[in-house]
PDB file of N, CA and C in Angstrom:
ATOM      1  N   MET A   1     178.903 103.290 107.212  1.00  0.00           N
ATOM      2  CA  MET A   1     177.622 103.478 106.375  1.00  0.00           C
ATOM      3  C   MET A   1     177.146 101.843 106.234  1.00  0.00           C
ATOM      4  N   PRO A   2     176.033 101.688 106.594  1.00  0.00           N
ATOM      5  CA  PRO A   2     175.339 100.328 106.625  1.00  0.00           C
ATOM      6  C   PRO A   2     175.322  99.698 105.196  1.00  0.00           C
ATOM      7  N   ILE A   3     175.447  98.427 105.002  1.00  0.00           N
ATOM      8  CA  ILE A   3     175.268  97.834 103.756  1.00  0.00           C
ATOM      9  C   ILE A   3     173.880  97.271 103.715  1.00  0.00           C
ATOM     10  N   ILE A   4     173.188  97.778 102.646  1.00  0.00           N
ATOM     11  CA  ILE A   4     171.743  97.449 102.331  1.00  0.00           C
ATOM     12  C   ILE A   4     171.695  96.467 101.251  1.00  0.00           C
ATOM     13  N   TYR A   5     170.694  95.442 101.407  1.00  0.00           N
ATOM     14  CA  TYR A   5     170.385  94.433 100.438  1.00  0.00           C
ATOM     15  C   TYR A   5     168.945  94.676 100.210  1.00  0.00           C
ATOM     16  N   ASN A   6     168.555  95.358  99.035  1.00  0.00           N
ATOM     17  CA  ASN A   6     167.301  95.636  98.499  1.00  0.00           C
ATOM     18  C   ASN A   6     166.940  94.458  97.572  1.00  0.00           C
ATOM     19  N   CYS A   7     165.975  93.748  97.801  1.00  0.00           N
ATOM     20  CA  CYS A   7     165.537  92.543  97.192  1.00  0.00           C
ATOM     21  C   CYS A   7     164.189  92.140  97.074  1.00  0.00           C
ATOM     22  N   SER A   8     163.826  91.138  96.147  1.00  0.00           N
ATOM     23  CA  SER A   8     162.521  90.856  95.844  1.00  0.00           C
ATOM     24  C   SER A   8     161.815  90.027  96.930  1.00  0.00           C
ATOM     25  N   GLY A   9     162.545  89.574  97.948  1.00  0.00           N
ATOM     26  CA  GLY A   9     162.082  88.713  98.955  1.00  0.00           C
ATOM     27  C   GLY A   9     161.879  87.230  98.570  1.00  0.00           C
ATOM     28  N   TYR A  10     162.139  86.967  97.326  1.00  0.00           N
ATOM     29  CA  TYR A  10     162.204  85.713  96.814  1.00  0.00           C
ATOM     30  C   TYR A  10     163.570  85.129  96.584  1.00  0.00           C
ATOM     31  N   GLU A  11     164.159  84.895  97.897  1.00  0.00           N
ATOM     32  CA  GLU A  11     165.534  84.732  97.954  1.00  0.00           C
ATOM     33  C   GLU A  11     165.926  83.220  98.243  1.00  0.00           C
ATOM     34  N   ASP A  12     167.042  82.706  97.754  1.00  0.00           N
ATOM     35  CA  ASP A  12     167.452  81.445  98.003  1.00  0.00           C
ATOM     36  C   ASP A  12     168.181  81.434  99.286  1.00  0.00           C
ATOM     37  N   MET A  13     167.875  80.438 100.147  1.00  0.00           N
ATOM     38  CA  MET A  13     168.509  80.273 101.380  1.00  0.00           C
ATOM     39  C   MET A  13     170.020  80.237 101.375  1.00  0.00           C
ATOM     40  N   GLU A  14     170.578  79.550 100.376  1.00  0.00           N
ATOM     41  CA  GLU A  14     171.970  79.556 100.230  1.00  0.00           C
ATOM     42  C   GLU A  14     172.678  80.989 100.115  1.00  0.00           C
ATOM     43  N   THR A  15     172.018  81.709  99.304  1.00  0.00           N
ATOM     44  CA  THR A  15     172.317  83.107  99.238  1.00  0.00           C
ATOM     45  C   THR A  15     172.291  83.972 100.443  1.00  0.00           C
ATOM     46  N   LEU A  16     171.289  83.727 101.185  1.00  0.00           N
ATOM     47  CA  LEU A  16     171.139  84.494 102.330  1.00  0.00           C
ATOM     48  C   LEU A  16     172.138  84.008 103.401  1.00  0.00           C
ATOM     49  N   GLU A  17     172.451  82.715 103.496  1.00  0.00           N
ATOM     50  CA  GLU A  17     173.343  82.211 104.341  1.00  0.00           C
ATOM     51  C   GLU A  17     174.846  82.807 103.976  1.00  0.00           C
ATOM     52  N   LEU A  18     175.113  82.983 102.672  1.00  0.00           N
ATOM     53  CA  LEU A  18     176.430  83.595 102.261  1.00  0.00           C
ATOM     54  C   LEU A  18     176.451  85.153 102.674  1.00  0.00           C
ATOM     55  N   LEU A  19     175.282  85.748 102.755  1.00  0.00           N
ATOM     56  CA  LEU A  19     175.300  87.179 103.094  1.00  0.00           C
ATOM     57  C   LEU A  19     175.253  87.493 104.699  1.00  0.00           C
ATOM     58  N   GLU A  20     175.053  86.418 105.446  1.00  0.00           N
ATOM     59  CA  GLU A  20     175.076  86.648 107.027  1.00  0.00           C
ATOM     60  C   GLU A  20     176.466  87.187 107.357  1.00  0.00           C
ATOM     61  N   GLY A  21     176.298  88.339 108.086  1.00  0.00           N
ATOM     62  CA  GLY A  21     177.305  89.097 108.606  1.00  0.00           C
ATOM     63  C   GLY A  21     177.896  90.158 107.718  1.00  0.00           C
ATOM     64  N   THR A  22     177.324  90.181 106.572  1.00  0.00           N
ATOM     65  CA  THR A  22     177.815  91.175 105.563  1.00  0.00           C
ATOM     66  C   THR A  22     176.756  92.345 105.505  1.00  0.00           C
ATOM     67  N   VAL A  23     175.389  91.986 105.398  1.00  0.00           N
ATOM     68  CA  VAL A  23     174.468  92.831 105.233  1.00  0.00           C
ATOM     69  C   VAL A  23     173.872  93.374 106.520  1.00  0.00           C
ATOM     70  N   ASP A  24     173.738  94.809 106.597  1.00  0.00           N
ATOM     71  CA  ASP A  24     173.253  95.413 107.784  1.00  0.00           C
ATOM     72  C   ASP A  24     171.723  95.525 107.855  1.00  0.00           C
ATOM     73  N   ILE A  25     171.226  95.999 106.613  1.00  0.00           N
ATOM     74  CA  ILE A  25     169.714  96.254 106.431  1.00  0.00           C
ATOM     75  C   ILE A  25     169.129  95.205 105.378  1.00  0.00           C
ATOM     76  N   TYR A  26     168.166  94.613 105.578  1.00  0.00           N
ATOM     77  CA  TYR A  26     167.533  93.893 104.529  1.00  0.00           C
ATOM     78  C   TYR A  26     166.279  94.705 104.207  1.00  0.00           C
ATOM     79  N   ILE A  27     166.035  94.728 102.848  1.00  0.00           N
ATOM     80  CA  ILE A  27     164.666  95.488 102.441  1.00  0.00           C
ATOM     81  C   ILE A  27     164.144  94.706 101.453  1.00  0.00           C
ATOM     82  N   PRO A  28     163.315  93.494 101.899  1.00  0.00           N
ATOM     83  CA  PRO A  28     162.707  92.594 100.989  1.00  0.00           C
ATOM     84  C   PRO A  28     161.244  93.048 100.688  1.00  0.00           C
ATOM     85  N   ASP A  29     160.815  92.581  99.466  1.00  0.00           N
ATOM     86  CA  ASP A  29     159.353  92.741  99.207  1.00  0.00           C
ATOM     87  C   ASP A  29     158.562  91.629  99.734  1.00  0.00           C
ATOM     88  N   VAL A  30     157.319  91.946 100.026  1.00  0.00           N
ATOM     89  CA  VAL A  30     156.276  90.885 100.191  1.00  0.00           C
ATOM     90  C   VAL A  30     155.302  91.332  99.180  1.00  0.00           C
ATOM     91  N   LYS A  31     155.365  90.689  97.996  1.00  0.00           N
ATOM     92  CA  LYS A  31     154.520  91.165  96.770  1.00  0.00           C
ATOM     93  C   LYS A  31     153.197  90.286  96.852  1.00  0.00           C
ATOM     94  N   TYR A  32     153.314  89.057  97.194  1.00  0.00           N
ATOM     95  CA  TYR A  32     151.995  88.282  97.179  1.00  0.00           C
ATOM     96  C   TYR A  32     151.791  87.553  98.408  1.00  0.00           C
ATOM     97  N   SER A  33     150.509  87.263  98.676  1.00  0.00           N
ATOM     98  CA  SER A  33     150.013  86.335  99.751  1.00  0.00           C
ATOM     99  C   SER A  33     149.376  85.164  99.266  1.00  0.00           C
ATOM    100  N   ASP A  34     149.301  85.154  97.908  1.00  0.00           N
ATOM    101  CA  ASP A  34     148.633  83.965  97.226  1.00  0.00           C
ATOM    102  C   ASP A  34     149.416  83.564  96.108  1.00  0.00           C
ATOM    103  N   ASP A  35     149.624  82.132  96.088  1.00  0.00           N
ATOM    104  CA  ASP A  35     150.512  81.690  95.082  1.00  0.00           C
ATOM    105  C   ASP A  35     149.897  81.595  93.665  1.00  0.00           C
ATOM    106  N   GLU A  36     148.668  81.814  93.545  1.00  0.00           N
ATOM    107  CA  GLU A  36     147.905  81.779  92.231  1.00  0.00           C
ATOM    108  C   GLU A  36     148.344  83.205  91.605  1.00  0.00           C
ATOM    109  N   ILE A  37     148.185  84.303  92.530  1.00  0.00           N
ATOM    110  CA  ILE A  37     148.482  85.488  92.012  1.00  0.00           C
ATOM    111  C   ILE A  37     149.988  85.652  91.621  1.00  0.00           C
ATOM    112  N   ALA A  38     150.703  85.097  92.447  1.00  0.00           N
ATOM    113  CA  ALA A  38     152.230  85.051  92.249  1.00  0.00           C
ATOM    114  C   ALA A  38     152.528  84.292  90.986  1.00  0.00           C
ATOM    115  N   PHE A  39     152.038  83.338  90.623  1.00  0.00           N
ATOM    116  CA  PHE A  39     152.226  82.621  89.375  1.00  0.00           C
ATOM    117  C   PHE A  39     151.751  83.476  88.270  1.00  0.00           C
ATOM    118  N   LYS A  40     150.603  84.072  88.370  1.00  0.00           N
ATOM    119  CA  LYS A  40     149.975  84.794  87.283  1.00  0.00           C
ATOM    120  C   LYS A  40     150.995  86.024  86.871  1.00  0.00           C
ATOM    121  N   TYR A  41     151.459  86.680  87.871  1.00  0.00           N
ATOM    122  CA  TYR A  41     152.284  87.884  87.654  1.00  0.00           C
ATOM    123  C   TYR A  41     153.769  87.801  87.483  1.00  0.00           C
ATOM    124  N   SER A  42     154.226  86.718  88.195  1.00  0.00           N
ATOM    125  CA  SER A  42     155.724  86.577  88.353  1.00  0.00           C
ATOM    126  C   SER A  42     156.143  85.108  87.859  1.00  0.00           C
ATOM    127  N   GLY A  43     155.217  84.225  87.501  1.00  0.00           N
ATOM    128  CA  GLY A  43     155.558  82.966  86.996  1.00  0.00           C
ATOM    129  C   GLY A  43     156.190  81.943  88.029  1.00  0.00           C
ATOM    130  N   VAL A  44     155.856  82.213  89.339  1.00  0.00           N
ATOM    131  CA  VAL A  44     156.459  81.211  90.230  1.00  0.00           C
ATOM    132  C   VAL A  44     155.335  80.735  91.081  1.00  0.00           C
ATOM    133  N   LYS A  45     155.509  79.459  91.407  1.00  0.00           N
ATOM    134  CA  LYS A  45     154.493  78.691  92.086  1.00  0.00           C
ATOM    135  C   LYS A  45     154.525  78.401  93.624  1.00  0.00           C
ATOM    136  N   ASP A  46     155.670  78.706  94.124  1.00  0.00           N
ATOM    137  CA  ASP A  46     155.925  78.712  95.493  1.00  0.00           C
ATOM    138  C   ASP A  46     156.294  79.913  96.204  1.00  0.00           C
ATOM    139  N   TYR A  47     155.883  81.051  95.711  1.00  0.00           N
ATOM    140  CA  TYR A  47     156.239  82.354  96.193  1.00  0.00           C
ATOM    141  C   TYR A  47     156.038  82.424  97.706  1.00  0.00           C
ATOM    142  N   VAL A  48     154.919  82.328  98.102  1.00  0.00           N
ATOM    143  CA  VAL A  48     154.450  82.487  99.502  1.00  0.00           C
ATOM    144  C   VAL A  48     155.569  81.854 100.397  1.00  0.00           C
ATOM    145  N   GLU A  49     155.660  80.437 100.332  1.00  0.00           N
ATOM    146  CA  GLU A  49     156.642  79.774 101.193  1.00  0.00           C
ATOM    147  C   GLU A  49     158.000  80.195 101.117  1.00  0.00           C
ATOM    148  N   VAL A  50     158.513  80.443  99.837  1.00  0.00           N
ATOM    149  CA  VAL A  50     159.916  80.852  99.833  1.00  0.00           C
ATOM    150  C   VAL A  50     160.136  82.210 100.327  1.00  0.00           C
ATOM    151  N   ASN A  51     159.248  83.061 100.297  1.00  0.00           N
ATOM    152  CA  ASN A  51     159.239  84.440 100.746  1.00  0.00           C
ATOM    153  C   ASN A  51     159.071  84.381 102.319  1.00  0.00           C
ATOM    154  N   ARG A  52     158.365  83.712 102.892  1.00  0.00           N
ATOM    155  CA  ARG A  52     158.111  83.613 104.255  1.00  0.00           C
ATOM    156  C   ARG A  52     159.407  83.062 104.979  1.00  0.00           C
ATOM    157  N   VAL A  53     160.014  82.123 104.242  1.00  0.00           N
ATOM    158  CA  VAL A  53     161.232  81.369 104.882  1.00  0.00           C
ATOM    159  C   VAL A  53     162.382  82.562 104.841  1.00  0.00           C
ATOM    160  N   ALA A  54     162.456  83.085 103.691  1.00  0.00           N
ATOM    161  CA  ALA A  54     163.550  84.178 103.451  1.00  0.00           C
ATOM    162  C   ALA A  54     163.278  85.291 104.506  1.00  0.00           C
ATOM    163  N   LEU A  55     162.146  85.764 104.535  1.00  0.00           N
ATOM    164  CA  LEU A  55     161.940  86.877 105.573  1.00  0.00           C
ATOM    165  C   LEU A  55     162.395  86.495 106.927  1.00  0.00           C
ATOM    166  N   LYS A  56     162.082  85.355 107.435  1.00  0.00           N
ATOM    167  CA  LYS A  56     162.439  84.709 108.668  1.00  0.00           C
ATOM    168  C   LYS A  56     163.834  84.744 108.991  1.00  0.00           C
ATOM    169  N   GLU A  57     164.506  84.257 107.883  1.00  0.00           N
ATOM    170  CA  GLU A  57     166.181  84.229 107.879  1.00  0.00           C
ATOM    171  C   GLU A  57     166.759  85.648 108.003  1.00  0.00           C
ATOM    172  N   MET A  58     166.223  86.536 107.100  1.00  0.00           N
ATOM    173  CA  MET A  58     166.816  87.951 107.164  1.00  0.00           C
ATOM    174  C   MET A  58     166.435  88.565 108.515  1.00  0.00           C
ATOM    175  N   LYS A  59     165.386  88.406 109.166  1.00  0.00           N
ATOM    176  CA  LYS A  59     165.029  88.922 110.454  1.00  0.00           C
ATOM    177  C   LYS A  59     166.022  88.322 111.436  1.00  0.00           C
ATOM    178  N   ARG A  60     166.233  87.075 111.327  1.00  0.00           N
ATOM    179  CA  ARG A  60     167.112  86.326 112.349  1.00  0.00           C
ATOM    180  C   ARG A  60     168.420  86.987 112.220  1.00  0.00           C
ATOM    181  N   GLN A  61     168.929  87.217 111.046  1.00  0.00           N
ATOM    182  CA  GLN A  61     170.389  87.778 110.807  1.00  0.00           C
ATOM    183  C   GLN A  61     170.465  89.053 111.345  1.00  0.00           C
ATOM    184  N   VAL A  62     169.520  90.074 111.066  1.00  0.00           N
ATOM    185  CA  VAL A  62     169.837  91.424 111.472  1.00  0.00           C
ATOM    186  C   VAL A  62     168.843  91.976 112.501  1.00  0.00           C
ATOM    187  N   GLY A  63     167.861  91.226 112.857  1.00  0.00           N
ATOM    188  CA  GLY A  63     166.978  91.792 114.062  1.00  0.00           C
ATOM    189  C   GLY A  63     166.140  92.896 113.622  1.00  0.00           C
ATOM    190  N   ASP A  64     165.484  93.568 114.714  1.00  0.00           N
ATOM    191  CA  ASP A  64     164.573  94.780 114.528  1.00  0.00           C
ATOM    192  C   ASP A  64     165.410  95.964 114.006  1.00  0.00           C
ATOM    193  N   LEU A  65     164.738  96.829 113.328  1.00  0.00           N
ATOM    194  CA  LEU A  65     165.374  98.024 112.829  1.00  0.00           C
ATOM    195  C   LEU A  65     165.877  98.837 113.971  1.00  0.00           C
ATOM    196  N   THR A  66     167.022  99.447 113.790  1.00  0.00           N
ATOM    197  CA  THR A  66     167.576 100.381 114.693  1.00  0.00           C
ATOM    198  C   THR A  66     168.013 101.555 113.889  1.00  0.00           C
ATOM    199  N   VAL A  67     167.898 102.770 114.425  1.00  0.00           N
ATOM    200  CA  VAL A  67     168.143 103.932 113.915  1.00  0.00           C
ATOM    201  C   VAL A  67     169.117 104.752 114.685  1.00  0.00           C
ATOM    202  N   ASP A  68     169.759 105.750 114.144  1.00  0.00           N
ATOM    203  CA  ASP A  68     170.711 106.554 114.862  1.00  0.00           C
ATOM    204  C   ASP A  68     169.974 107.765 115.426  1.00  0.00           C
ATOM    205  N   SER A  69     170.677 108.732 115.969  1.00  0.00           N
ATOM    206  CA  SER A  69     169.895 109.886 116.729  1.00  0.00           C
ATOM    207  C   SER A  69     169.161 110.869 115.689  1.00  0.00           C
ATOM    208  N   GLU A  70     169.523 110.623 114.399  1.00  0.00           N
ATOM    209  CA  GLU A  70     168.942 111.563 113.351  1.00  0.00           C
ATOM    210  C   GLU A  70     167.856 110.745 112.651  1.00  0.00           C
ATOM    211  N   GLY A  71     167.669 109.468 113.046  1.00  0.00           N
ATOM    212  CA  GLY A  71     166.603 108.717 112.368  1.00  0.00           C
ATOM    213  C   GLY A  71     167.031 107.818 111.259  1.00  0.00           C
ATOM    214  N   ALA A  72     168.335 107.865 110.973  1.00  0.00           N
ATOM    215  CA  ALA A  72     168.862 107.055 109.834  1.00  0.00           C
ATOM    216  C   ALA A  72     168.976 105.711 110.174  1.00  0.00           C
ATOM    217  N   ALA A  73     168.491 104.819 109.401  1.00  0.00           N
ATOM    218  CA  ALA A  73     168.528 103.277 109.546  1.00  0.00           C
ATOM    219  C   ALA A  73     170.078 102.877 109.669  1.00  0.00           C
ATOM    220  N   GLN A  74     170.305 101.988 110.669  1.00  0.00           N
ATOM    221  CA  GLN A  74     171.564 101.486 110.933  1.00  0.00           C
ATOM    222  C   GLN A  74     171.789 100.036 110.725  1.00  0.00           C
ATOM    223  N   LYS A  75     170.687  99.319 111.194  1.00  0.00           N
ATOM    224  CA  LYS A  75     170.849  97.834 111.155  1.00  0.00           C
ATOM    225  C   LYS A  75     169.215  97.388 111.235  1.00  0.00           C
ATOM    226  N   GLY A  76     168.904  96.326 110.566  1.00  0.00           N
ATOM    227  CA  GLY A  76     167.694  95.733 110.777  1.00  0.00           C
ATOM    228  C   GLY A  76     166.930  95.292 109.505  1.00  0.00           C
ATOM    229  N   PHE A  77     165.720  95.398 109.451  1.00  0.00           N
ATOM    230  CA  PHE A  77     164.771  94.707 108.603  1.00  0.00           C
ATOM    231  C   PHE A  77     163.655  95.692 108.234  1.00  0.00           C
ATOM    232  N   ILE A  78     163.396  96.087 106.931  1.00  0.00           N
ATOM    233  CA  ILE A  78     162.339  96.828 106.491  1.00  0.00           C
ATOM    234  C   ILE A  78     161.551  96.030 105.414  1.00  0.00           C
ATOM    235  N   VAL A  79     160.296  95.806 105.605  1.00  0.00           N
ATOM    236  CA  VAL A  79     159.538  95.248 104.486  1.00  0.00           C
ATOM    237  C   VAL A  79     158.663  96.101 103.718  1.00  0.00           C
ATOM    238  N   ARG A  80     158.681  95.905 102.357  1.00  0.00           N
ATOM    239  CA  ARG A  80     157.769  96.604 101.457  1.00  0.00           C
ATOM    240  C   ARG A  80     156.703  95.676 100.987  1.00  0.00           C
ATOM    241  N   HIS A  81     155.487  96.313 100.622  1.00  0.00           N
ATOM    242  CA  HIS A  81     154.551  95.532  99.967  1.00  0.00           C
ATOM    243  C   HIS A  81     154.148  96.254  98.677  1.00  0.00           C
ATOM    244  N   LEU A  82     154.046  95.349  97.666  1.00  0.00           N
ATOM    245  CA  LEU A  82     153.583  95.741  96.342  1.00  0.00           C
ATOM    246  C   LEU A  82     152.127  95.791  96.274  1.00  0.00           C
ATOM    247  N   VAL A  83     151.345  96.933  96.216  1.00  0.00           N
ATOM    248  CA  VAL A  83     149.814  96.925  96.147  1.00  0.00           C
ATOM    249  C   VAL A  83     149.585  96.670  94.578  1.00  0.00           C
ATOM    250  N   LEU A  84     148.706  95.508  94.352  1.00  0.00           N
ATOM    251  CA  LEU A  84     148.436  95.340  93.011  1.00  0.00           C
ATOM    252  C   LEU A  84     146.978  95.782  92.818  1.00  0.00           C
ATOM    253  N   PRO A  85     146.717  96.689  91.664  1.00  0.00           N
ATOM    254  CA  PRO A  85     145.352  97.094  91.449  1.00  0.00           C
ATOM    255  C   PRO A  85     144.391  95.961  91.422  1.00  0.00           C
ATOM    256  N   GLY A  86     143.269  95.953  91.907  1.00  0.00           N
ATOM    257  CA  GLY A  86     142.164  95.048  91.865  1.00  0.00           C
ATOM    258  C   GLY A  86     142.424  93.738  92.620  1.00  0.00           C
ATOM    259  N   ASN A  87     143.444  93.738  93.565  1.00  0.00           N
ATOM    260  CA  ASN A  87     143.825  92.621  94.351  1.00  0.00           C
ATOM    261  C   ASN A  87     143.872  93.038  95.813  1.00  0.00           C
ATOM    262  N   VAL A  88     142.820  93.620  96.288  1.00  0.00           N
ATOM    263  CA  VAL A  88     142.712  94.098  97.688  1.00  0.00           C
ATOM    264  C   VAL A  88     142.953  92.920  98.576  1.00  0.00           C
ATOM    265  N   GLU A  89     142.221  91.723  98.404  1.00  0.00           N
ATOM    266  CA  GLU A  89     142.505  90.745  99.333  1.00  0.00           C
ATOM    267  C   GLU A  89     144.061  90.182  99.450  1.00  0.00           C
ATOM    268  N   ASN A  90     144.787  90.326  98.261  1.00  0.00           N
ATOM    269  CA  ASN A  90     146.178  89.970  98.338  1.00  0.00           C
ATOM    270  C   ASN A  90     146.884  90.991  99.399  1.00  0.00           C
ATOM    271  N   THR A  91     146.563  92.329  99.314  1.00  0.00           N
ATOM    272  CA  THR A  91     147.056  93.329 100.117  1.00  0.00           C
ATOM    273  C   THR A  91     146.711  93.032 101.561  1.00  0.00           C
ATOM    274  N   LYS A  92     145.465  92.796 101.838  1.00  0.00           N
ATOM    275  CA  LYS A  92     144.922  92.517 103.157  1.00  0.00           C
ATOM    276  C   LYS A  92     145.826  91.328 103.837  1.00  0.00           C
ATOM    277  N   LYS A  93     145.868  90.247 103.118  1.00  0.00           N
ATOM    278  CA  LYS A  93     146.537  89.060 103.627  1.00  0.00           C
ATOM    279  C   LYS A  93     147.995  89.297 103.881  1.00  0.00           C
ATOM    280  N   ALA A  94     148.617  90.070 102.887  1.00  0.00           N
ATOM    281  CA  ALA A  94     149.969  90.354 103.221  1.00  0.00           C
ATOM    282  C   ALA A  94     150.301  91.170 104.311  1.00  0.00           C
ATOM    283  N   LEU A  95     149.472  92.224 104.511  1.00  0.00           N
ATOM    284  CA  LEU A  95     149.668  93.094 105.596  1.00  0.00           C
ATOM    285  C   LEU A  95     149.391  92.279 106.983  1.00  0.00           C
ATOM    286  N   GLU A  96     148.217  91.518 107.033  1.00  0.00           N
ATOM    287  CA  GLU A  96     148.030  90.823 108.190  1.00  0.00           C
ATOM    288  C   GLU A  96     149.214  89.898 108.522  1.00  0.00           C
ATOM    289  N   PHE A  97     149.837  89.204 107.528  1.00  0.00           N
ATOM    290  CA  PHE A  97     151.013  88.391 107.736  1.00  0.00           C
ATOM    291  C   PHE A  97     152.193  89.120 108.348  1.00  0.00           C
ATOM    292  N   ILE A  98     152.434  90.407 107.720  1.00  0.00           N
ATOM    293  CA  ILE A  98     153.539  91.254 108.190  1.00  0.00           C
ATOM    294  C   ILE A  98     153.257  91.828 109.718  1.00  0.00           C
ATOM    295  N   ALA A  99     152.018  92.166 109.951  1.00  0.00           N
ATOM    296  CA  ALA A  99     151.536  92.671 111.232  1.00  0.00           C
ATOM    297  C   ALA A  99     151.706  91.557 112.304  1.00  0.00           C
ATOM    298  N   LYS A 100     151.434  90.469 111.955  1.00  0.00           N
ATOM    299  CA  LYS A 100     151.456  89.256 112.793  1.00  0.00           C
ATOM    300  C   LYS A 100     152.784  88.906 113.195  1.00  0.00           C
ATOM    301  N   ASN A 101     153.719  88.799 112.249  1.00  0.00           N
ATOM    302  CA  ASN A 101     155.015  88.346 112.472  1.00  0.00           C
ATOM    303  C   ASN A 101     156.138  89.363 112.545  1.00  0.00           C
ATOM    304  N   TYR A 102     155.990  90.554 112.068  1.00  0.00           N
ATOM    305  CA  TYR A 102     156.987  91.554 112.174  1.00  0.00           C
ATOM    306  C   TYR A 102     156.490  92.868 112.738  1.00  0.00           C
ATOM    307  N   GLN A 103     156.294  92.846 113.999  1.00  0.00           N
ATOM    308  CA  GLN A 103     155.564  94.027 114.587  1.00  0.00           C
ATOM    309  C   GLN A 103     156.523  95.308 114.686  1.00  0.00           C
ATOM    310  N   LYS A 104     157.789  95.058 114.810  1.00  0.00           N
ATOM    311  CA  LYS A 104     158.819  96.168 114.888  1.00  0.00           C
ATOM    312  C   LYS A 104     159.601  96.543 113.736  1.00  0.00           C
ATOM    313  N   ILE A 105     158.803  96.742 112.579  1.00  0.00           N
ATOM    314  CA  ILE A 105     159.474  97.175 111.249  1.00  0.00           C
ATOM    315  C   ILE A 105     158.763  98.465 110.761  1.00  0.00           C
ATOM    316  N   LEU A 106     159.402  99.082 109.890  1.00  0.00           N
ATOM    317  CA  LEU A 106     158.683 100.202 109.280  1.00  0.00           C
ATOM    318  C   LEU A 106     158.179  99.742 107.923  1.00  0.00           C
ATOM    319  N   LEU A 107     156.919 100.220 107.623  1.00  0.00           N
ATOM    320  CA  LEU A 107     156.323  99.829 106.208  1.00  0.00           C
ATOM    321  C   LEU A 107     156.499 101.158 105.457  1.00  0.00           C
TER     322      LEU A 107
END
């Protein structure tokens, strides 16, 4: 059974380094594509940079998503996006980033 790390995507690199070799599937969020919106809703000023560095590290550790013959995830990387009402541009930019950088994931 795979070990899944379901997280906010705002992860410390030291934590991710400690998890290397333990986690089979990372499921991070990409909540924001704009630091002003991140600060408004989550009180963090550097969300976008921290999130993107964390995603890159997670992907490096586990690679593209692989599934078994029944379609169950076994190893890899699945990204979620939080759609905020009234913030269509945030969603567009987040999805553009995901599509550009992580083409072989399930949304």
